[in-house]
Each structure stands twice: as C-alpha cells, then as structure tokens.
Amino acid sequence: MIWAHSLFAAFTDKAVLSSGTGYAWRQQLRITRGSDHLRALANGAGLYVAVGNVGKNGVVYVSAGLPAPTPTP
C-alpha cells in the first residue's frame, strides 16, 4: 500500500484500489485473464505505476491520478 496526494493506493494480484480514508475502497484497475497478474505499485512525479505480467510478457499500467472513492454516509 502507498500513500500519496491524500490518497491510499493498494493492489492485489488482480486489481488496483484507492481510498481517501482507508475504509472505503474504489477499484481503479481490474485484471480479468487468469494468467495475468499485478506484481507492484508505485507513485512518483505525480504518476501511479502498476507492473505485472500478461502470460510470459511484462506489462506496465500508468495513471496520472487515481480518483478517491465517493464517501459513504
């Protein structure tokens, strides 16, 4: 999990999630193929970068920002 720009970001092997509070999470990226996996998540220079593999090939996902989830009442 990382904290940047007042936002938590975390990942599993199949999804990237964001939260403004750490309680309510919003899915930002979802990997659907069975052989594809996320391996790491990082933030720097205003970018979020998730890396992983698609079968035997590497893959990089880059986002200029992750929107915070809508607050739950």
C-alpha atoms as a PDB file:
ATOM      1  CA  MET A   1       0.000   0.000   0.000  1.00  0.00           C
ATOM      2  CA  ILE A   2       1.189   3.535  -0.729  1.00  0.00           C
ATOM      3  CA  TRP A   3       0.073   6.985   0.465  1.00  0.00           C
ATOM      4  CA  ALA A   4       0.380   9.896  -1.954  1.00  0.00           C
ATOM      5  CA  HIS A   5      -1.552  13.088  -2.623  1.00  0.00           C
ATOM      6  CA  SER A   6      -4.003  12.429   0.276  1.00  0.00           C
ATOM      7  CA  LEU A   7      -4.860   9.036  -1.186  1.00  0.00           C
ATOM      8  CA  PHE A   8      -4.142   5.443  -0.246  1.00  0.00           C
ATOM      9  CA  ALA A   9      -3.496   3.078  -3.154  1.00  0.00           C
ATOM     10  CA  ALA A  10      -3.194  -0.691  -2.827  1.00  0.00           C
ATOM     11  CA  PHE A  11      -3.147  -3.694  -5.119  1.00  0.00           C
ATOM     12  CA  THR A  12      -3.873  -7.374  -5.239  1.00  0.00           C
ATOM     13  CA  ASP A  13      -2.660  -9.680  -7.997  1.00  0.00           C
ATOM     14  CA  LYS A  14      -5.842  -8.773  -9.960  1.00  0.00           C
ATOM     15  CA  ALA A  15      -6.801  -5.176  -9.015  1.00  0.00           C
ATOM     16  CA  VAL A  16      -5.624  -1.681  -8.058  1.00  0.00           C
ATOM     17  CA  LEU A  17      -7.719   0.051  -5.390  1.00  0.00           C
ATOM     18  CA  SER A  18      -7.803   3.601  -3.983  1.00  0.00           C
ATOM     19  CA  SER A  19      -9.175   5.142  -0.796  1.00  0.00           C
ATOM     20  CA  GLY A  20      -9.241   8.608   0.706  1.00  0.00           C
ATOM     21  CA  THR A  21      -9.800   7.250   4.220  1.00  0.00           C
ATOM     22  CA  GLY A  22      -8.529   3.672   4.274  1.00  0.00           C
ATOM     23  CA  TYR A  23     -12.062   2.414   4.998  1.00  0.00           C
ATOM     24  CA  ALA A  24     -13.973   2.700   1.708  1.00  0.00           C
ATOM     25  CA  TRP A  25     -12.080   1.465  -1.360  1.00  0.00           C
ATOM     26  CA  ARG A  26     -12.703   2.014  -5.077  1.00  0.00           C
ATOM     27  CA  GLN A  27     -11.473  -0.367  -7.769  1.00  0.00           C
ATOM     28  CA  GLN A  28      -9.358   1.507 -10.327  1.00  0.00           C
ATOM     29  CA  LEU A  29      -7.993  -1.320 -12.473  1.00  0.00           C
ATOM     30  CA  ARG A  30      -9.094  -4.928 -12.827  1.00  0.00           C
ATOM     31  CA  ILE A  31      -7.177  -7.761 -14.491  1.00  0.00           C
ATOM     32  CA  THR A  32      -9.517 -10.401 -15.875  1.00  0.00           C
ATOM     33  CA  ARG A  33      -7.371 -13.017 -17.647  1.00  0.00           C
ATOM     34  CA  GLY A  34      -6.387 -15.923 -15.440  1.00  0.00           C
ATOM     35  CA  SER A  35      -2.687 -15.873 -16.389  1.00  0.00           C
ATOM     36  CA  ASP A  36      -2.269 -12.080 -15.866  1.00  0.00           C
ATOM     37  CA  HIS A  37      -1.053 -10.732 -12.513  1.00  0.00           C
ATOM     38  CA  LEU A  38      -0.038  -7.423 -10.960  1.00  0.00           C
ATOM     39  CA  ARG A  39       3.280  -7.533  -9.098  1.00  0.00           C
ATOM     40  CA  ALA A  40       3.954  -3.989  -7.788  1.00  0.00           C
ATOM     41  CA  LEU A  41       2.505  -0.489  -7.417  1.00  0.00           C
ATOM     42  CA  ALA A  42       4.468   2.759  -7.108  1.00  0.00           C
ATOM     43  CA  ASN A  43       3.952   6.524  -7.156  1.00  0.00           C
ATOM     44  CA  GLY A  44       6.317   9.273  -8.223  1.00  0.00           C
ATOM     45  CA  ALA A  45       6.307  12.539 -10.142  1.00  0.00           C
ATOM     46  CA  GLY A  46       2.501  12.619  -9.990  1.00  0.00           C
ATOM     47  CA  LEU A  47       2.119   9.224 -11.684  1.00  0.00           C
ATOM     48  CA  TYR A  48       0.854   5.885 -10.392  1.00  0.00           C
ATOM     49  CA  VAL A  49       2.529   2.871 -11.994  1.00  0.00           C
ATOM     50  CA  ALA A  50       1.400  -0.750 -11.695  1.00  0.00           C
ATOM     51  CA  VAL A  51       3.544  -3.507 -13.197  1.00  0.00           C
ATOM     52  CA  GLY A  52       2.840  -7.147 -13.742  1.00  0.00           C
ATOM     53  CA  ASN A  53       2.767  -9.853 -16.335  1.00  0.00           C
ATOM     54  CA  VAL A  54       0.489 -10.924 -19.165  1.00  0.00           C
ATOM     55  CA  GLY A  55       1.302 -14.580 -19.551  1.00  0.00           C
ATOM     56  CA  LYS A  56       5.098 -14.607 -20.041  1.00  0.00           C
ATOM     57  CA  ASN A  57       5.324 -10.908 -21.045  1.00  0.00           C
ATOM     58  CA  GLY A  58       5.713  -7.899 -18.759  1.00  0.00           C
ATOM     59  CA  VAL A  59       3.104  -5.134 -18.672  1.00  0.00           C
ATOM     60  CA  VAL A  60       3.065  -1.594 -17.251  1.00  0.00           C
ATOM     61  CA  TYR A  61      -0.063   0.440 -16.448  1.00  0.00           C
ATOM     62  CA  VAL A  62       0.390   4.203 -15.858  1.00  0.00           C
ATOM     63  CA  SER A  63      -2.170   6.668 -14.491  1.00  0.00           C
ATOM     64  CA  ALA A  64      -1.804  10.422 -13.991  1.00  0.00           C
ATOM     65  CA  GLY A  65      -4.030  10.098 -10.909  1.00  0.00           C
ATOM     66  CA  LEU A  66      -6.471   7.906  -9.091  1.00  0.00           C
ATOM     67  CA  PRO A  67      -9.826   9.411  -8.105  1.00  0.00           C
ATOM     68  CA  ALA A  68     -10.822   8.949  -4.483  1.00  0.00           C
ATOM     69  CA  PRO A  69     -13.928   6.887  -3.787  1.00  0.00           C
ATOM     70  CA  THR A  70     -17.181   8.659  -3.068  1.00  0.00           C
ATOM     71  CA  PRO A  71     -17.724   8.886   0.699  1.00  0.00           C
ATOM     72  CA  THR A  72     -20.248   6.518   2.192  1.00  0.00           C
ATOM     73  CA  PRO A  73     -22.799   8.065   4.571  1.00  0.00           C
END
